Amino acid sequence: MSTTPFLNSQKAQIDYPCVWQYKLIGMDRQAVRAAVAVHLGDAPYSLSDSRRSGAGKYISMNLEVSVDSEDQRLRWHQVLATDPSVKLVL
């Protein structure tokens, strides 16, 4: 029986440094922008508008940033996910 890559339990190999993309979901674009600026500090990044929910309550934004290590990638995910203006980080 062959397995597909989606069912493989092995961790994906990521070569660092690399550019990583996060999808941020929140309720207010300016608050999300401010949260990214605070948490990423001087790190160069790109933050662009993505979509608005059908009811208009939520917005999504695309964050692209260079990460040097898995620790940094996971740390930024964690700090963004715990910011009150960010409802979800993908």
Protein backbone atom coordinates (compact mmCIF):
# COMPACT_ATOMS: atom_id res chain seq x y z
CA MET A 1 0.00 0.00 0.00
CA SER A 2 1.47 3.35 -0.98
CA THR A 3 1.03 6.46 1.10
CA THR A 4 0.45 9.94 -0.19
CA PRO A 5 2.56 12.87 1.03
CA PHE A 6 -0.47 14.20 2.92
CA LEU A 7 -0.63 11.09 5.08
CA ASN A 8 3.08 10.96 5.77
CA SER A 9 3.83 11.68 9.43
CA GLN A 10 7.29 13.05 8.70
CA LYS A 11 7.93 16.73 9.32
CA ALA A 12 8.39 18.87 6.20
CA GLN A 13 11.97 19.92 5.52
CA ILE A 14 12.33 23.71 5.47
CA ASP A 15 15.66 25.25 4.51
CA TYR A 16 16.42 28.41 6.48
CA PRO A 17 16.67 31.29 5.97
CA CYS A 18 13.57 31.47 3.82
CA VAL A 19 10.62 33.73 3.10
CA TRP A 20 7.57 32.64 5.08
CA GLN A 21 3.96 33.64 4.55
CA TYR A 22 1.38 34.01 7.29
CA LYS A 23 -2.31 34.72 6.78
CA LEU A 24 -3.60 37.00 9.55
CA ILE A 25 -7.30 37.31 10.31
CA GLY A 26 -8.65 40.13 12.43
CA MET A 27 -11.41 42.68 12.67
CA ASP A 28 -9.52 45.94 12.06
CA ARG A 29 -6.79 46.43 9.42
CA GLN A 30 -5.03 49.24 11.28
CA ALA A 31 -4.91 47.22 14.52
CA VAL A 32 -3.45 44.21 12.68
CA ARG A 33 -0.89 46.47 10.98
CA ALA A 34 0.09 47.93 14.36
CA ALA A 35 0.43 44.46 15.90
CA VAL A 36 2.74 43.32 13.10
CA ALA A 37 4.87 46.46 13.45
CA VAL A 38 5.21 45.93 17.21
CA HIS A 39 6.00 42.23 17.10
CA LEU A 40 8.29 42.15 14.05
CA GLY A 41 10.13 45.32 14.99
CA ASP A 42 12.88 46.16 12.50
CA ALA A 43 12.53 42.93 10.51
CA PRO A 44 11.74 43.71 6.86
CA TYR A 45 8.30 42.41 5.92
CA SER A 46 5.48 42.88 3.45
CA LEU A 47 1.89 43.16 4.67
CA SER A 48 -0.91 43.32 2.13
CA ASP A 49 -4.69 43.30 2.24
CA SER A 50 -6.35 40.07 1.25
CA ARG A 51 -10.08 39.61 1.74
CA ARG A 52 -13.06 40.68 3.83
CA SER A 53 -15.61 38.18 5.13
CA GLY A 54 -19.01 38.05 3.47
CA ALA A 55 -20.65 39.86 6.37
CA GLY A 56 -17.76 42.34 6.53
CA LYS A 57 -16.88 41.56 10.15
CA TYR A 58 -13.44 40.01 9.53
CA ILE A 59 -10.52 40.95 7.31
CA SER A 60 -7.53 38.89 6.24
CA MET A 61 -4.04 40.09 5.43
CA ASN A 62 -0.99 38.42 3.92
CA LEU A 63 2.27 38.78 5.84
CA GLU A 64 5.51 37.83 4.12
CA VAL A 65 8.75 37.90 6.11
CA SER A 66 12.18 36.31 5.98
CA VAL A 67 12.75 33.85 8.83
CA ASP A 68 16.17 32.65 9.93
CA SER A 69 15.14 29.55 11.86
CA GLU A 70 12.23 27.35 12.87
CA ASP A 71 12.36 28.90 16.35
CA GLN A 72 11.91 32.38 14.88
CA ARG A 73 9.10 31.21 12.57
CA LEU A 74 7.21 29.58 15.44
CA ARG A 75 7.89 32.47 17.84
CA TRP A 76 6.43 35.03 15.40
CA HIS A 77 3.42 32.78 14.85
CA GLN A 78 2.90 32.55 18.62
CA VAL A 79 3.24 36.28 19.39
CA LEU A 80 0.96 37.24 16.51
CA ALA A 81 -1.62 34.61 17.52
CA THR A 82 -1.72 35.91 21.11
CA ASP A 83 -2.16 39.56 20.11
CA PRO A 84 -5.76 40.66 20.81
CA SER A 85 -6.15 42.32 17.39
CA VAL A 86 -5.29 39.08 15.57
CA LYS A 87 -8.03 36.47 15.74
CA LEU A 88 -6.25 33.73 13.77
CA VAL A 89 -2.83 33.09 12.21
CA LEU A 90 -2.51 30.57 9.40
